[in-house]
């Protein structure tokens, strides 16, 4: 019987690849424990090793990007608050039913 294709989470792949790098168990033991093919573990291990440097290189830019995004969002909040206050005051000047509750 053929098994259906499984999709493993990135966290699972990282965990298995780190175990393979540690070398506490053989690839065969890890494959049996996690029910994946040894070739798949080797591929995940290689991906982890190839992209590990990017994690540290991008770490600083991610912090800077998030700080910049927070500043942009705060500016937008201020802009929208001013617009709301202006429209609320302008609506109060018209006679008739008010939108204020």
C-alpha atoms as a PDB file:
ATOM      1  CA  UNK A   1       0.000   0.000   0.000  1.00  0.00           C
ATOM      2  CA  UNK A   2       1.314   3.393  -0.990  1.00  0.00           C
ATOM      3  CA  UNK A   3       1.496   6.104   1.663  1.00  0.00           C
ATOM      4  CA  UNK A   4       0.068   9.524   0.818  1.00  0.00           C
ATOM      5  CA  UNK A   5       2.441  12.447   0.542  1.00  0.00           C
ATOM      6  CA  UNK A   6       3.085  14.130   3.879  1.00  0.00           C
ATOM      7  CA  UNK A   7       3.950  17.761   4.445  1.00  0.00           C
ATOM      8  CA  UNK A   8       6.223  18.375   7.405  1.00  0.00           C
ATOM      9  CA  UNK A   9       6.255  21.680   9.251  1.00  0.00           C
ATOM     10  CA  UNK A  10       9.370  23.839   9.134  1.00  0.00           C
ATOM     11  CA  UNK A  11       9.767  23.347  12.893  1.00  0.00           C
ATOM     12  CA  UNK A  12       9.762  19.563  12.470  1.00  0.00           C
ATOM     13  CA  UNK A  13      12.329  19.743   9.655  1.00  0.00           C
ATOM     14  CA  UNK A  14      14.582  22.011  11.726  1.00  0.00           C
ATOM     15  CA  UNK A  15      14.335  19.706  14.747  1.00  0.00           C
ATOM     16  CA  UNK A  16      15.268  16.613  12.725  1.00  0.00           C
ATOM     17  CA  UNK A  17      18.058  18.431  10.856  1.00  0.00           C
ATOM     18  CA  UNK A  18      19.552  19.678  14.138  1.00  0.00           C
ATOM     19  CA  UNK A  19      19.463  16.156  15.541  1.00  0.00           C
ATOM     20  CA  UNK A  20      21.287  14.953  12.428  1.00  0.00           C
ATOM     21  CA  UNK A  21      23.935  17.672  12.810  1.00  0.00           C
ATOM     22  CA  UNK A  22      24.452  16.792  16.476  1.00  0.00           C
ATOM     23  CA  UNK A  23      25.249  13.233  15.440  1.00  0.00           C
ATOM     24  CA  UNK A  24      23.889  11.580  18.584  1.00  0.00           C
ATOM     25  CA  UNK A  25      22.052   9.067  16.385  1.00  0.00           C
ATOM     26  CA  UNK A  26      22.710   7.703  12.913  1.00  0.00           C
ATOM     27  CA  UNK A  27      20.637   8.812   9.954  1.00  0.00           C
ATOM     28  CA  UNK A  28      18.961   5.404   9.931  1.00  0.00           C
ATOM     29  CA  UNK A  29      17.981   5.720  13.577  1.00  0.00           C
ATOM     30  CA  UNK A  30      16.606   9.226  13.049  1.00  0.00           C
ATOM     31  CA  UNK A  31      14.736   8.114   9.936  1.00  0.00           C
ATOM     32  CA  UNK A  32      13.114   5.257  11.808  1.00  0.00           C
ATOM     33  CA  UNK A  33      12.307   7.427  14.833  1.00  0.00           C
ATOM     34  CA  UNK A  34      10.651  10.186  12.758  1.00  0.00           C
ATOM     35  CA  UNK A  35       9.323   7.935   9.981  1.00  0.00           C
ATOM     36  CA  UNK A  36      11.043   9.751   7.132  1.00  0.00           C
ATOM     37  CA  UNK A  37      13.588   8.586   4.570  1.00  0.00           C
ATOM     38  CA  UNK A  38      17.290   9.088   5.430  1.00  0.00           C
ATOM     39  CA  UNK A  39      17.760  10.946   2.138  1.00  0.00           C
ATOM     40  CA  UNK A  40      15.126  13.467   3.244  1.00  0.00           C
ATOM     41  CA  UNK A  41      16.964  14.069   6.520  1.00  0.00           C
ATOM     42  CA  UNK A  42      20.205  14.606   4.593  1.00  0.00           C
ATOM     43  CA  UNK A  43      18.463  17.181   2.385  1.00  0.00           C
ATOM     44  CA  UNK A  44      17.031  19.043   5.398  1.00  0.00           C
ATOM     45  CA  UNK A  45      20.432  19.009   7.085  1.00  0.00           C
ATOM     46  CA  UNK A  46      22.064  20.446   3.958  1.00  0.00           C
ATOM     47  CA  UNK A  47      19.411  23.175   3.694  1.00  0.00           C
ATOM     48  CA  UNK A  48      19.934  24.122   7.326  1.00  0.00           C
ATOM     49  CA  UNK A  49      23.692  24.356   6.906  1.00  0.00           C
ATOM     50  CA  UNK A  50      23.404  26.383   3.675  1.00  0.00           C
ATOM     51  CA  UNK A  51      20.935  28.900   5.098  1.00  0.00           C
ATOM     52  CA  UNK A  52      22.198  29.232   8.673  1.00  0.00           C
ATOM     53  CA  UNK A  53      24.389  32.230   7.791  1.00  0.00           C
ATOM     54  CA  UNK A  54      21.373  34.069   6.350  1.00  0.00           C
ATOM     55  CA  UNK A  55      19.641  33.876   9.705  1.00  0.00           C
ATOM     56  CA  UNK A  56      22.404  35.842  11.375  1.00  0.00           C
ATOM     57  CA  UNK A  57      22.906  38.213   8.432  1.00  0.00           C
ATOM     58  CA  UNK A  58      19.202  39.090   8.226  1.00  0.00           C
ATOM     59  CA  UNK A  59      18.636  39.323  11.970  1.00  0.00           C
ATOM     60  CA  UNK A  60      19.684  42.972  12.229  1.00  0.00           C
ATOM     61  CA  UNK A  61      17.802  44.067   9.112  1.00  0.00           C
ATOM     62  CA  UNK A  62      14.626  42.407  10.432  1.00  0.00           C
ATOM     63  CA  UNK A  63      14.826  44.453  13.635  1.00  0.00           C
ATOM     64  CA  UNK A  64      15.430  47.658  11.677  1.00  0.00           C
ATOM     65  CA  UNK A  65      12.565  46.876   9.298  1.00  0.00           C
ATOM     66  CA  UNK A  66      10.165  46.228  12.165  1.00  0.00           C
ATOM     67  CA  UNK A  67      11.179  49.444  13.950  1.00  0.00           C
ATOM     68  CA  UNK A  68      10.637  51.413  10.749  1.00  0.00           C
ATOM     69  CA  UNK A  69       7.249  49.738  10.243  1.00  0.00           C
ATOM     70  CA  UNK A  70       6.200  50.671  13.796  1.00  0.00           C
ATOM     71  CA  UNK A  71       7.116  54.315  13.129  1.00  0.00           C
ATOM     72  CA  UNK A  72       5.112  54.299   9.885  1.00  0.00           C
ATOM     73  CA  UNK A  73       2.089  52.789  11.618  1.00  0.00           C
ATOM     74  CA  UNK A  74       2.251  55.323  14.464  1.00  0.00           C
ATOM     75  CA  UNK A  75       2.339  58.150  11.926  1.00  0.00           C
ATOM     76  CA  UNK A  76      -0.666  56.651  10.138  1.00  0.00           C
ATOM     77  CA  UNK A  77      -2.562  56.335  13.435  1.00  0.00           C
ATOM     78  CA  UNK A  78      -1.914  60.015  14.158  1.00  0.00           C
ATOM     79  CA  UNK A  79      -3.056  60.976  10.668  1.00  0.00           C
ATOM     80  CA  UNK A  80      -6.267  58.948  10.950  1.00  0.00           C
ATOM     81  CA  UNK A  81      -6.989  60.336  14.439  1.00  0.00           C
ATOM     82  CA  UNK A  82      -6.704  63.906  13.141  1.00  0.00           C
ATOM     83  CA  UNK A  83      -8.952  63.067  10.181  1.00  0.00           C
ATOM     84  CA  UNK A  84     -11.561  61.482  12.463  1.00  0.00           C
ATOM     85  CA  UNK A  85     -11.541  64.465  14.819  1.00  0.00           C
ATOM     86  CA  UNK A  86     -11.879  66.885  11.913  1.00  0.00           C
ATOM     87  CA  UNK A  87     -14.791  64.991  10.387  1.00  0.00           C
ATOM     88  CA  UNK A  88     -16.470  64.605  13.761  1.00  0.00           C
ATOM     89  CA  UNK A  89     -16.276  68.366  14.368  1.00  0.00           C
ATOM     90  CA  UNK A  90     -17.441  69.145  10.828  1.00  0.00           C
ATOM     91  CA  UNK A  91     -20.424  66.816  11.194  1.00  0.00           C
ATOM     92  CA  UNK A  92     -21.412  68.571  14.423  1.00  0.00           C
ATOM     93  CA  UNK A  93     -21.787  71.884  12.536  1.00  0.00           C
ATOM     94  CA  UNK A  94     -24.598  70.630  10.300  1.00  0.00           C
ATOM     95  CA  UNK A  95     -28.189  70.833  11.528  1.00  0.00           C
ATOM     96  CA  UNK A  96     -30.241  67.676  11.741  1.00  0.00           C
ATOM     97  CA  UNK A  97     -29.557  64.187  12.970  1.00  0.00           C
ATOM     98  CA  UNK A  98     -26.000  63.633  14.073  1.00  0.00           C
ATOM     99  CA  UNK A  99     -23.909  60.558  13.523  1.00  0.00           C
ATOM    100  CA  UNK A 100     -22.594  60.911  17.060  1.00  0.00           C
ATOM    101  CA  UNK A 101     -24.135  58.517  19.528  1.00  0.00           C
END
